[in-house]
């Protein structure tokens, strides 16, 4: 029988295993226009923490005692829908479970780009698309810019580093610990800041004595404040996630916020789904960079549906380098 993770209670602060329960899942009948999919790869992403709160946002909150959702890649095992047949690989949002029956409209057949299927949850998926559109559109980054990236060893941040280098930019990435900083440098970053060693603003000032033109924010907090302190005139900030506040729910205190006015800094919030109509452009460019070796991936893989909450909670303790995935 199919199984799915349910949200049993809304977390107060950092989630714990007690907030989740793995339960049997009754699948709907396979009617005309429906497809049954066996999931092979599941994604966990920081934005899911916000959906665990009962607040209005750009996506509805998870319901209590109901299956959770998230990005997944699976294989069609049975189909009553035109255009889908057993053996097809598809991308969809019925994650946190091992099997799903979905209408054909909820599935995207994976294009043949010569990559492993799980890449469509990483550099060719939401994380890579977030990096691509955030850097090049929301932040209007261009050749010659000095770019600062927070959480540069994570899924989105590591993609930002590589896209920026492919576009001829100078890149400074922040990560925790020497191993992750070495990873950031291996991606081509010109410098890596270990934020656990002391105030980020001092480290960033040393790495970027002339300041920064672009900041890609995954963290918020003192990373955002340091970027404000070192921003040059007309700097552009792309804001896609502030994981530093996801569990506390408290906004950061920004000492250098007044520099937004004097330096004419542009702060642009954005969401990946804003750019769905432009995914063809993204697949073209990212597919080319992957094929040419300019963009690579390092995934952190956890095995088994039972380990899904463990993988999710690992996002908040730095357990992942690159994309965190669950393999079924």
C-alpha atoms as a PDB file:
ATOM      1  CA  UNK A   1       0.000   0.000   0.000  1.00  0.00           C
ATOM      2  CA  UNK A   2       1.166   3.541  -0.725  1.00  0.00           C
ATOM      3  CA  UNK A   3       2.395   5.658   2.175  1.00  0.00           C
ATOM      4  CA  UNK A   4       2.729   9.394   2.706  1.00  0.00           C
ATOM      5  CA  UNK A   5       4.095  11.708   5.367  1.00  0.00           C
ATOM      6  CA  UNK A   6       1.408  13.750   7.117  1.00  0.00           C
ATOM      7  CA  UNK A   7       1.815  16.930   9.144  1.00  0.00           C
ATOM      8  CA  UNK A   8       0.446  15.990  12.564  1.00  0.00           C
ATOM      9  CA  UNK A   9       0.984  19.304  14.342  1.00  0.00           C
ATOM     10  CA  UNK A  10       2.274  22.772  13.522  1.00  0.00           C
ATOM     11  CA  UNK A  11       5.864  23.300  14.708  1.00  0.00           C
ATOM     12  CA  UNK A  12       6.645  25.856  17.344  1.00  0.00           C
ATOM     13  CA  UNK A  13      10.126  27.009  16.423  1.00  0.00           C
ATOM     14  CA  UNK A  14      12.343  24.360  14.856  1.00  0.00           C
ATOM     15  CA  UNK A  15      10.324  21.308  13.717  1.00  0.00           C
ATOM     16  CA  UNK A  16      10.862  17.939  15.362  1.00  0.00           C
ATOM     17  CA  UNK A  17      10.109  14.373  14.320  1.00  0.00           C
ATOM     18  CA  UNK A  18       6.933  14.522  16.433  1.00  0.00           C
ATOM     19  CA  UNK A  19       5.398  16.965  13.940  1.00  0.00           C
ATOM     20  CA  UNK A  20       5.287  14.266  11.252  1.00  0.00           C
ATOM     21  CA  UNK A  21       3.708  10.830  10.825  1.00  0.00           C
ATOM     22  CA  UNK A  22       4.116   8.249   8.041  1.00  0.00           C
ATOM     23  CA  UNK A  23       0.681   6.817   7.270  1.00  0.00           C
ATOM     24  CA  UNK A  24      -1.035   4.618   4.673  1.00  0.00           C
ATOM     25  CA  UNK A  25      -2.320   6.497   1.643  1.00  0.00           C
ATOM     26  CA  UNK A  26      -5.489   5.564  -0.215  1.00  0.00           C
ATOM     27  CA  UNK A  27      -4.891   6.287  -3.878  1.00  0.00           C
ATOM     28  CA  UNK A  28      -7.791   7.414  -6.086  1.00  0.00           C
ATOM     29  CA  UNK A  29      -9.062   5.211  -8.898  1.00  0.00           C
ATOM     30  CA  UNK A  30      -7.184   5.470 -12.155  1.00  0.00           C
ATOM     31  CA  UNK A  31      -9.847   7.140 -14.278  1.00  0.00           C
ATOM     32  CA  UNK A  32      -9.474   8.515 -17.791  1.00  0.00           C
ATOM     33  CA  UNK A  33      -6.893  11.290 -17.892  1.00  0.00           C
ATOM     34  CA  UNK A  34      -5.111   9.979 -14.786  1.00  0.00           C
ATOM     35  CA  UNK A  35      -1.594   8.606 -14.338  1.00  0.00           C
ATOM     36  CA  UNK A  36      -0.081   6.433 -11.604  1.00  0.00           C
ATOM     37  CA  UNK A  37       3.489   7.326 -10.729  1.00  0.00           C
ATOM     38  CA  UNK A  38       6.057   5.528  -8.584  1.00  0.00           C
ATOM     39  CA  UNK A  39       8.252   8.191  -7.024  1.00  0.00           C
ATOM     40  CA  UNK A  40      12.007   7.643  -7.272  1.00  0.00           C
ATOM     41  CA  UNK A  41      13.430  10.934  -5.956  1.00  0.00           C
ATOM     42  CA  UNK A  42      11.950  13.380  -3.441  1.00  0.00           C
ATOM     43  CA  UNK A  43      13.005  16.931  -2.717  1.00  0.00           C
ATOM     44  CA  UNK A  44      13.134  18.768   0.589  1.00  0.00           C
ATOM     45  CA  UNK A  45      13.436  22.541   0.475  1.00  0.00           C
ATOM     46  CA  UNK A  46      13.568  25.323   3.080  1.00  0.00           C
ATOM     47  CA  UNK A  47      10.371  26.972   1.797  1.00  0.00           C
ATOM     48  CA  UNK A  48       8.430  23.968   3.110  1.00  0.00           C
ATOM     49  CA  UNK A  49       8.960  25.253   6.643  1.00  0.00           C
ATOM     50  CA  UNK A  50       6.717  28.231   5.894  1.00  0.00           C
ATOM     51  CA  UNK A  51       3.926  25.947   4.697  1.00  0.00           C
ATOM     52  CA  UNK A  52       3.865  24.311   8.128  1.00  0.00           C
ATOM     53  CA  UNK A  53       2.534  27.551   9.636  1.00  0.00           C
ATOM     54  CA  UNK A  54      -1.147  28.407   9.407  1.00  0.00           C
ATOM     55  CA  UNK A  55      -0.580  31.766   7.753  1.00  0.00           C
ATOM     56  CA  UNK A  56      -1.491  33.273   4.415  1.00  0.00           C
ATOM     57  CA  UNK A  57       1.378  33.164   1.945  1.00  0.00           C
ATOM     58  CA  UNK A  58       2.127  32.665  -1.736  1.00  0.00           C
ATOM     59  CA  UNK A  59       1.309  28.950  -1.336  1.00  0.00           C
ATOM     60  CA  UNK A  60      -1.370  27.479   0.954  1.00  0.00           C
ATOM     61  CA  UNK A  61      -0.226  25.996   4.267  1.00  0.00           C
ATOM     62  CA  UNK A  62      -0.029  22.247   4.713  1.00  0.00           C
ATOM     63  CA  UNK A  63      -3.228  20.871   6.220  1.00  0.00           C
ATOM     64  CA  UNK A  64      -3.064  18.993   9.513  1.00  0.00           C
ATOM     65  CA  UNK A  65      -3.519  15.204   9.177  1.00  0.00           C
ATOM     66  CA  UNK A  66      -3.179  15.375   5.399  1.00  0.00           C
ATOM     67  CA  UNK A  67      -0.402  14.256   3.039  1.00  0.00           C
ATOM     68  CA  UNK A  68       2.326  16.821   2.539  1.00  0.00           C
ATOM     69  CA  UNK A  69       3.529  17.993  -0.859  1.00  0.00           C
ATOM     70  CA  UNK A  70       6.820  18.780  -2.521  1.00  0.00           C
ATOM     71  CA  UNK A  71       8.856  18.315  -5.648  1.00  0.00           C
ATOM     72  CA  UNK A  72       9.277  14.726  -6.838  1.00  0.00           C
ATOM     73  CA  UNK A  73      10.555  12.834  -9.845  1.00  0.00           C
ATOM     74  CA  UNK A  74       8.971   9.497 -10.619  1.00  0.00           C
ATOM     75  CA  UNK A  75       8.329   6.852 -13.220  1.00  0.00           C
ATOM     76  CA  UNK A  76       4.948   6.263 -14.832  1.00  0.00           C
ATOM     77  CA  UNK A  77       3.751   2.742 -14.021  1.00  0.00           C
ATOM     78  CA  UNK A  78       0.197   2.959 -15.373  1.00  0.00           C
ATOM     79  CA  UNK A  79      -1.575   5.527 -17.522  1.00  0.00           C
ATOM     80  CA  UNK A  80      -5.033   6.351 -18.842  1.00  0.00           C
ATOM     81  CA  UNK A  81      -3.896   9.713 -20.207  1.00  0.00           C
ATOM     82  CA  UNK A  82      -2.785  10.605 -23.703  1.00  0.00           C
ATOM     83  CA  UNK A  83       0.903  11.448 -23.916  1.00  0.00           C
ATOM     84  CA  UNK A  84       2.004   9.341 -20.953  1.00  0.00           C
ATOM     85  CA  UNK A  85       2.994   5.698 -20.956  1.00  0.00           C
ATOM     86  CA  UNK A  86       4.756   3.327 -18.544  1.00  0.00           C
ATOM     87  CA  UNK A  87       8.440   4.076 -18.296  1.00  0.00           C
ATOM     88  CA  UNK A  88       8.099   7.839 -18.802  1.00  0.00           C
ATOM     89  CA  UNK A  89       9.901   9.984 -16.235  1.00  0.00           C
ATOM     90  CA  UNK A  90       7.874  12.888 -14.845  1.00  0.00           C
ATOM     91  CA  UNK A  91       8.240  15.821 -12.491  1.00  0.00           C
ATOM     92  CA  UNK A  92       5.380  16.758 -10.155  1.00  0.00           C
ATOM     93  CA  UNK A  93       4.528  18.158  -6.726  1.00  0.00           C
ATOM     94  CA  UNK A  94       3.124  15.033  -5.018  1.00  0.00           C
ATOM     95  CA  UNK A  95       6.223  14.404  -2.965  1.00  0.00           C
ATOM     96  CA  UNK A  96       6.588  13.206   0.647  1.00  0.00           C
ATOM     97  CA  UNK A  97       5.100   9.847  -0.525  1.00  0.00           C
ATOM     98  CA  UNK A  98       6.156   6.791  -2.484  1.00  0.00           C
ATOM     99  CA  UNK A  99       3.331   6.663  -5.009  1.00  0.00           C
ATOM    100  CA  UNK A 100       0.723   9.006  -6.481  1.00  0.00           C
ATOM    101  CA  UNK A 101      -2.232   9.012  -8.870  1.00  0.00           C
ATOM    102  CA  UNK A 102      -2.473  12.370 -10.595  1.00  0.00           C
ATOM    103  CA  UNK A 103      -4.210  14.079 -13.499  1.00  0.00           C
ATOM    104  CA  UNK A 104      -2.011  14.436 -16.554  1.00  0.00           C
ATOM    105  CA  UNK A 105      -2.109  18.228 -16.168  1.00  0.00           C
ATOM    106  CA  UNK A 106      -0.197  17.909 -12.864  1.00  0.00           C
ATOM    107  CA  UNK A 107       2.745  16.143 -14.550  1.00  0.00           C
ATOM    108  CA  UNK A 108       5.648  17.444 -16.589  1.00  0.00           C
ATOM    109  CA  UNK A 109       7.441  14.888 -18.721  1.00  0.00           C
ATOM    110  CA  UNK A 110      11.182  15.292 -18.338  1.00  0.00           C
ATOM    111  CA  UNK A 111      12.902  16.647 -21.430  1.00  0.00           C
ATOM    112  CA  UNK A 112      15.753  14.575 -22.838  1.00  0.00           C
ATOM    113  CA  UNK A 113      18.789  16.640 -21.859  1.00  0.00           C
ATOM    114  CA  UNK A 114      21.147  13.744 -21.225  1.00  0.00           C
ATOM    115  CA  UNK A 115      21.148  14.120 -17.422  1.00  0.00           C
ATOM    116  CA  UNK A 116      20.086  11.926 -14.515  1.00  0.00           C
ATOM    117  CA  UNK A 117      16.396  12.333 -13.552  1.00  0.00           C
ATOM    118  CA  UNK A 118      17.162  13.813 -10.123  1.00  0.00           C
ATOM    119  CA  UNK A 119      18.818  16.791 -11.821  1.00  0.00           C
ATOM    120  CA  UNK A 120      15.293  18.128 -12.402  1.00  0.00           C
ATOM    121  CA  UNK A 121      14.968  18.577  -8.636  1.00  0.00           C
ATOM    122  CA  UNK A 122      18.319  20.374  -8.473  1.00  0.00           C
ATOM    123  CA  UNK A 123      20.199  22.393 -11.077  1.00  0.00           C
ATOM    124  CA  UNK A 124      17.498  21.801 -13.705  1.00  0.00           C
ATOM    125  CA  UNK A 125      14.657  22.234 -11.230  1.00  0.00           C
ATOM    126  CA  UNK A 126      13.364  24.679  -8.667  1.00  0.00           C
ATOM    127  CA  UNK A 127      16.746  25.295  -7.077  1.00  0.00           C
ATOM    128  CA  UNK A 128      18.636  25.898 -10.319  1.00  0.00           C
ATOM    129  CA  UNK A 129      15.777  27.986 -11.701  1.00  0.00           C
ATOM    130  CA  UNK A 130      15.700  30.060  -8.525  1.00  0.00           C
ATOM    131  CA  UNK A 131      19.417  30.714  -8.893  1.00  0.00           C
ATOM    132  CA  UNK A 132      19.175  31.503 -12.613  1.00  0.00           C
ATOM    133  CA  UNK A 133      16.236  33.908 -12.569  1.00  0.00           C
ATOM    134  CA  UNK A 134      17.132  35.447  -9.219  1.00  0.00           C
ATOM    135  CA  UNK A 135      20.666  36.297 -10.265  1.00  0.00           C
ATOM    136  CA  UNK A 136      20.099  37.310 -13.874  1.00  0.00           C
ATOM    137  CA  UNK A 137      16.619  38.867 -13.696  1.00  0.00           C
ATOM    138  CA  UNK A 138      15.765  39.906 -10.133  1.00  0.00           C
ATOM    139  CA  UNK A 139      19.304  41.161  -9.463  1.00  0.00           C
ATOM    140  CA  UNK A 140      20.091  42.114 -13.082  1.00  0.00           C
ATOM    141  CA  UNK A 141      23.597  40.731 -12.593  1.00  0.00           C
ATOM    142  CA  UNK A 142      25.983  41.222 -15.484  1.00  0.00           C
ATOM    143  CA  UNK A 143      29.565  40.533 -16.535  1.00  0.00           C
ATOM    144  CA  UNK A 144      32.074  42.306 -14.311  1.00  0.00           C
ATOM    145  CA  UNK A 145      29.816  42.536 -11.246  1.00  0.00           C
ATOM    146  CA  UNK A 146      31.089  41.573  -7.806  1.00  0.00           C
ATOM    147  CA  UNK A 147      28.551  39.113  -6.383  1.00  0.00           C
ATOM    148  CA  UNK A 148      28.106  38.004  -2.774  1.00  0.00           C
ATOM    149  CA  UNK A 149      26.160  34.761  -2.217  1.00  0.00           C
ATOM    150  CA  UNK A 150      24.933  33.512   1.151  1.00  0.00           C
ATOM    151  CA  UNK A 151      24.532  29.766   1.813  1.00  0.00           C
ATOM    152  CA  UNK A 152      26.867  29.291  -1.131  1.00  0.00           C
ATOM    153  CA  UNK A 153      27.365  25.574  -0.398  1.00  0.00           C
ATOM    154  CA  UNK A 154      23.621  24.901  -0.508  1.00  0.00           C
ATOM    155  CA  UNK A 155      21.452  23.874  -3.443  1.00  0.00           C
ATOM    156  CA  UNK A 156      20.528  27.358  -4.673  1.00  0.00           C
ATOM    157  CA  UNK A 157      23.725  29.077  -3.577  1.00  0.00           C
ATOM    158  CA  UNK A 158      26.037  26.609  -5.300  1.00  0.00           C
ATOM    159  CA  UNK A 159      24.105  27.105  -8.543  1.00  0.00           C
ATOM    160  CA  UNK A 160      24.338  30.905  -8.180  1.00  0.00           C
ATOM    161  CA  UNK A 161      28.122  30.675  -7.775  1.00  0.00           C
ATOM    162  CA  UNK A 162      28.509  28.683 -10.972  1.00  0.00           C
ATOM    163  CA  UNK A 163      26.079  30.731 -13.065  1.00  0.00           C
ATOM    164  CA  UNK A 164      27.796  33.934 -11.988  1.00  0.00           C
ATOM    165  CA  UNK A 165      31.204  32.572 -12.970  1.00  0.00           C
ATOM    166  CA  UNK A 166      29.827  31.338 -16.307  1.00  0.00           C
ATOM    167  CA  UNK A 167      28.662  34.922 -16.901  1.00  0.00           C
ATOM    168  CA  UNK A 168      32.017  36.499 -16.085  1.00  0.00           C
ATOM    169  CA  UNK A 169      31.402  37.811 -12.570  1.00  0.00           C
ATOM    170  CA  UNK A 170      33.580  37.900  -9.456  1.00  0.00           C
ATOM    171  CA  UNK A 171      31.984  35.739  -6.764  1.00  0.00           C
ATOM    172  CA  UNK A 172      32.315  35.666  -2.979  1.00  0.00           C
ATOM    173  CA  UNK A 173      30.418  32.892  -1.204  1.00  0.00           C
ATOM    174  CA  UNK A 174      29.613  32.439   2.461  1.00  0.00           C
ATOM    175  CA  UNK A 175      29.457  28.960   4.013  1.00  0.00           C
ATOM    176  CA  UNK A 176      29.993  27.279   7.381  1.00  0.00           C
ATOM    177  CA  UNK A 177      33.271  25.503   8.063  1.00  0.00           C
ATOM    178  CA  UNK A 178      36.424  24.878   6.027  1.00  0.00           C
ATOM    179  CA  UNK A 179      35.044  21.842   4.162  1.00  0.00           C
ATOM    180  CA  UNK A 180      32.092  23.751   2.761  1.00  0.00           C
ATOM    181  CA  UNK A 181      34.273  26.765   1.985  1.00  0.00           C
ATOM    182  CA  UNK A 182      36.596  24.484   0.033  1.00  0.00           C
ATOM    183  CA  UNK A 183      33.570  23.198  -1.865  1.00  0.00           C
ATOM    184  CA  UNK A 184      32.486  26.747  -2.716  1.00  0.00           C
ATOM    185  CA  UNK A 185      35.963  27.508  -4.046  1.00  0.00           C
ATOM    186  CA  UNK A 186      35.937  24.280  -6.069  1.00  0.00           C
ATOM    187  CA  UNK A 187      32.876  25.645  -7.867  1.00  0.00           C
ATOM    188  CA  UNK A 188      34.943  28.576  -9.066  1.00  0.00           C
ATOM    189  CA  UNK A 189      34.248  31.195  -6.401  1.00  0.00           C
ATOM    190  CA  UNK A 190      36.982  33.807  -6.101  1.00  0.00           C
ATOM    191  CA  UNK A 191      36.721  33.770  -2.307  1.00  0.00           C
ATOM    192  CA  UNK A 192      34.811  31.920   0.395  1.00  0.00           C
ATOM    193  CA  UNK A 193      33.912  33.307   3.816  1.00  0.00           C
ATOM    194  CA  UNK A 194      33.545  30.989   6.791  1.00  0.00           C
ATOM    195  CA  UNK A 195      30.784  32.766   8.682  1.00  0.00           C
ATOM    196  CA  UNK A 196      31.411  30.697  11.808  1.00  0.00           C
ATOM    197  CA  UNK A 197      34.806  32.354  12.329  1.00  0.00           C
ATOM    198  CA  UNK A 198      33.587  35.816  13.252  1.00  0.00           C
ATOM    199  CA  UNK A 199      31.500  38.794  12.107  1.00  0.00           C
ATOM    200  CA  UNK A 200      30.569  38.404   8.453  1.00  0.00           C
ATOM    201  CA  UNK A 201      30.813  42.103   7.782  1.00  0.00           C
ATOM    202  CA  UNK A 202      34.538  42.050   8.573  1.00  0.00           C
ATOM    203  CA  UNK A 203      35.199  38.973   6.466  1.00  0.00           C
ATOM    204  CA  UNK A 204      33.229  40.404   3.538  1.00  0.00           C
ATOM    205  CA  UNK A 205      35.083  43.713   3.780  1.00  0.00           C
ATOM    206  CA  UNK A 206      38.369  41.822   3.537  1.00  0.00           C
ATOM    207  CA  UNK A 207      37.191  39.727   0.577  1.00  0.00           C
ATOM    208  CA  UNK A 208      35.556  42.651  -1.247  1.00  0.00           C
ATOM    209  CA  UNK A 209      37.519  45.800  -0.305  1.00  0.00           C
ATOM    210  CA  UNK A 210      35.853  47.694  -3.166  1.00  0.00           C
ATOM    211  CA  UNK A 211      32.365  46.583  -2.148  1.00  0.00           C
ATOM    212  CA  UNK A 212      29.744  44.449  -3.919  1.00  0.00           C
ATOM    213  CA  UNK A 213      27.354  45.069  -6.800  1.00  0.00           C
ATOM    214  CA  UNK A 214      25.005  42.125  -6.262  1.00  0.00           C
ATOM    215  CA  UNK A 215      23.845  40.152  -3.253  1.00  0.00           C
ATOM    216  CA  UNK A 216      21.926  36.870  -3.560  1.00  0.00           C
ATOM    217  CA  UNK A 217      20.176  36.284  -0.260  1.00  0.00           C
ATOM    218  CA  UNK A 218      19.269  32.824   1.005  1.00  0.00           C
ATOM    219  CA  UNK A 219      19.818  33.544   4.686  1.00  0.00           C
ATOM    220  CA  UNK A 220      18.895  37.062   5.799  1.00  0.00           C
ATOM    221  CA  UNK A 221      20.120  38.160   9.229  1.00  0.00           C
ATOM    222  CA  UNK A 222      23.751  39.153   9.566  1.00  0.00           C
ATOM    223  CA  UNK A 223      24.488  38.061   5.971  1.00  0.00           C
ATOM    224  CA  UNK A 224      21.973  40.581   4.647  1.00  0.00           C
ATOM    225  CA  UNK A 225      23.294  43.237   7.017  1.00  0.00           C
ATOM    226  CA  UNK A 226      26.871  42.653   5.848  1.00  0.00           C
ATOM    227  CA  UNK A 227      25.761  42.966   2.229  1.00  0.00           C
ATOM    228  CA  UNK A 228      24.070  46.281   3.032  1.00  0.00           C
ATOM    229  CA  UNK A 229      27.270  47.491   4.700  1.00  0.00           C
ATOM    230  CA  UNK A 230      29.435  46.671   1.641  1.00  0.00           C
ATOM    231  CA  UNK A 231      26.969  47.530  -1.130  1.00  0.00           C
ATOM    232  CA  UNK A 232      28.189  49.911  -3.793  1.00  0.00           C
ATOM    233  CA  UNK A 233      26.094  52.602  -5.462  1.00  0.00           C
ATOM    234  CA  UNK A 234      23.093  51.078  -7.319  1.00  0.00           C
ATOM    235  CA  UNK A 235      23.699  47.588  -5.909  1.00  0.00           C
ATOM    236  CA  UNK A 236      20.973  45.018  -6.569  1.00  0.00           C
ATOM    237  CA  UNK A 237      19.809  42.409  -4.070  1.00  0.00           C
ATOM    238  CA  UNK A 238      17.809  39.291  -5.002  1.00  0.00           C
ATOM    239  CA  UNK A 239      15.880  38.013  -1.976  1.00  0.00           C
ATOM    240  CA  UNK A 240      14.512  34.478  -2.262  1.00  0.00           C
ATOM    241  CA  UNK A 241      14.796  33.036   1.235  1.00  0.00           C
ATOM    242  CA  UNK A 242      15.715  34.041   4.774  1.00  0.00           C
ATOM    243  CA  UNK A 243      16.316  30.701   6.449  1.00  0.00           C
ATOM    244  CA  UNK A 244      17.828  32.495   9.447  1.00  0.00           C
ATOM    245  CA  UNK A 245      14.282  33.511  10.491  1.00  0.00           C
ATOM    246  CA  UNK A 246      12.206  30.543   9.310  1.00  0.00           C
ATOM    247  CA  UNK A 247      11.994  28.870  12.699  1.00  0.00           C
ATOM    248  CA  UNK A 248      12.169  31.905  14.982  1.00  0.00           C
ATOM    249  CA  UNK A 249       9.673  33.933  12.975  1.00  0.00           C
ATOM    250  CA  UNK A 250      11.495  37.060  14.136  1.00  0.00           C
ATOM    251  CA  UNK A 251      12.843  39.615  11.636  1.00  0.00           C
ATOM    252  CA  UNK A 252      16.522  40.400  11.768  1.00  0.00           C
ATOM    253  CA  UNK A 253      17.842  43.641  13.190  1.00  0.00           C
ATOM    254  CA  UNK A 254      19.656  45.383  10.336  1.00  0.00           C
ATOM    255  CA  UNK A 255      22.280  47.829  11.531  1.00  0.00           C
ATOM    256  CA  UNK A 256      23.112  49.076   8.033  1.00  0.00           C
ATOM    257  CA  UNK A 257      19.595  49.347   6.621  1.00  0.00           C
ATOM    258  CA  UNK A 258      19.840  53.121   6.107  1.00  0.00           C
ATOM    259  CA  UNK A 259      22.455  52.538   3.396  1.00  0.00           C
ATOM    260  CA  UNK A 260      19.600  51.424   1.118  1.00  0.00           C
ATOM    261  CA  UNK A 261      18.767  55.099   0.648  1.00  0.00           C
ATOM    262  CA  UNK A 262      22.221  56.612   0.292  1.00  0.00           C
ATOM    263  CA  UNK A 263      23.561  53.908  -2.011  1.00  0.00           C
ATOM    264  CA  UNK A 264      20.275  53.593  -3.970  1.00  0.00           C
ATOM    265  CA  UNK A 265      20.195  49.843  -3.331  1.00  0.00           C
ATOM    266  CA  UNK A 266      17.447  47.882  -5.074  1.00  0.00           C
ATOM    267  CA  UNK A 267      15.984  44.975  -3.090  1.00  0.00           C
ATOM    268  CA  UNK A 268      13.899  42.590  -5.192  1.00  0.00           C
ATOM    269  CA  UNK A 269      11.951  39.718  -3.707  1.00  0.00           C
ATOM    270  CA  UNK A 270      10.997  36.941  -6.103  1.00  0.00           C
ATOM    271  CA  UNK A 271       9.589  33.422  -6.321  1.00  0.00           C
ATOM    272  CA  UNK A 272      10.524  30.700  -8.795  1.00  0.00           C
ATOM    273  CA  UNK A 273       6.962  30.335 -10.059  1.00  0.00           C
ATOM    274  CA  UNK A 274       7.074  33.940 -11.284  1.00  0.00           C
ATOM    275  CA  UNK A 275       9.238  32.664 -14.113  1.00  0.00           C
ATOM    276  CA  UNK A 276       7.470  29.468 -15.206  1.00  0.00           C
ATOM    277  CA  UNK A 277       6.636  30.976 -18.639  1.00  0.00           C
ATOM    278  CA  UNK A 278      10.396  31.380 -19.226  1.00  0.00           C
ATOM    279  CA  UNK A 279      11.485  27.839 -18.343  1.00  0.00           C
ATOM    280  CA  UNK A 280      12.475  27.156 -21.950  1.00  0.00           C
ATOM    281  CA  UNK A 281      15.128  29.843 -21.683  1.00  0.00           C
ATOM    282  CA  UNK A 282      16.341  28.354 -18.412  1.00  0.00           C
ATOM    283  CA  UNK A 283      16.564  24.798 -19.783  1.00  0.00           C
ATOM    284  CA  UNK A 284      18.483  26.071 -22.801  1.00  0.00           C
ATOM    285  CA  UNK A 285      21.119  27.937 -20.813  1.00  0.00           C
ATOM    286  CA  UNK A 286      21.410  25.610 -17.833  1.00  0.00           C
ATOM    287  CA  UNK A 287      21.412  22.529 -20.074  1.00  0.00           C
ATOM    288  CA  UNK A 288      24.271  24.041 -22.053  1.00  0.00           C
ATOM    289  CA  UNK A 289      26.285  24.872 -18.949  1.00  0.00           C
ATOM    290  CA  UNK A 290      25.796  21.384 -17.555  1.00  0.00           C
ATOM    291  CA  UNK A 291      26.770  19.788 -20.875  1.00  0.00           C
ATOM    292  CA  UNK A 292      29.859  22.006 -21.052  1.00  0.00           C
ATOM    293  CA  UNK A 293      30.902  21.278 -17.452  1.00  0.00           C
ATOM    294  CA  UNK A 294      30.461  24.876 -16.305  1.00  0.00           C
ATOM    295  CA  UNK A 295      27.754  23.846 -13.841  1.00  0.00           C
ATOM    296  CA  UNK A 296      28.048  20.671 -11.796  1.00  0.00           C
ATOM    297  CA  UNK A 297      26.094  19.244  -8.874  1.00  0.00           C
ATOM    298  CA  UNK A 298      26.930  17.669  -5.556  1.00  0.00           C
ATOM    299  CA  UNK A 299      23.858  16.102  -3.972  1.00  0.00           C
ATOM    300  CA  UNK A 300      23.377  15.009  -0.383  1.00  0.00           C
ATOM    301  CA  UNK A 301      21.298  11.831  -0.683  1.00  0.00           C
ATOM    302  CA  UNK A 302      19.294  10.214   2.115  1.00  0.00           C
ATOM    303  CA  UNK A 303      17.835   6.774   1.444  1.00  0.00           C
ATOM    304  CA  UNK A 304      14.259   5.724   2.042  1.00  0.00           C
ATOM    305  CA  UNK A 305      10.869   7.340   2.567  1.00  0.00           C
ATOM    306  CA  UNK A 306      11.213   6.771   6.317  1.00  0.00           C
ATOM    307  CA  UNK A 307      14.096   9.279   6.381  1.00  0.00           C
ATOM    308  CA  UNK A 308      12.133  12.174   4.833  1.00  0.00           C
ATOM    309  CA  UNK A 309      11.740  14.268   8.037  1.00  0.00           C
ATOM    310  CA  UNK A 310      15.389  13.636   8.907  1.00  0.00           C
ATOM    311  CA  UNK A 311      16.426  15.001   5.520  1.00  0.00           C
ATOM    312  CA  UNK A 312      14.170  18.034   5.893  1.00  0.00           C
ATOM    313  CA  UNK A 313      15.406  18.869   9.388  1.00  0.00           C
ATOM    314  CA  UNK A 314      18.979  18.544   8.117  1.00  0.00           C
ATOM    315  CA  UNK A 315      18.464  21.677   6.036  1.00  0.00           C
ATOM    316  CA  UNK A 316      18.385  23.747   9.228  1.00  0.00           C
ATOM    317  CA  UNK A 317      21.486  22.204  10.787  1.00  0.00           C
ATOM    318  CA  UNK A 318      23.742  22.415   7.731  1.00  0.00           C
ATOM    319  CA  UNK A 319      23.642  18.676   7.023  1.00  0.00           C
ATOM    320  CA  UNK A 320      23.581  19.173   3.280  1.00  0.00           C
ATOM    321  CA  UNK A 321      26.191  20.197   0.760  1.00  0.00           C
ATOM    322  CA  UNK A 322      24.414  21.055  -2.466  1.00  0.00           C
ATOM    323  CA  UNK A 323      20.922  19.695  -2.984  1.00  0.00           C
ATOM    324  CA  UNK A 324      19.283  17.520  -0.308  1.00  0.00           C
ATOM    325  CA  UNK A 325      17.425  14.588  -1.880  1.00  0.00           C
ATOM    326  CA  UNK A 326      15.642  11.467  -0.690  1.00  0.00           C
ATOM    327  CA  UNK A 327      16.063   8.385  -2.875  1.00  0.00           C
ATOM    328  CA  UNK A 328      13.343   5.752  -2.915  1.00  0.00           C
END
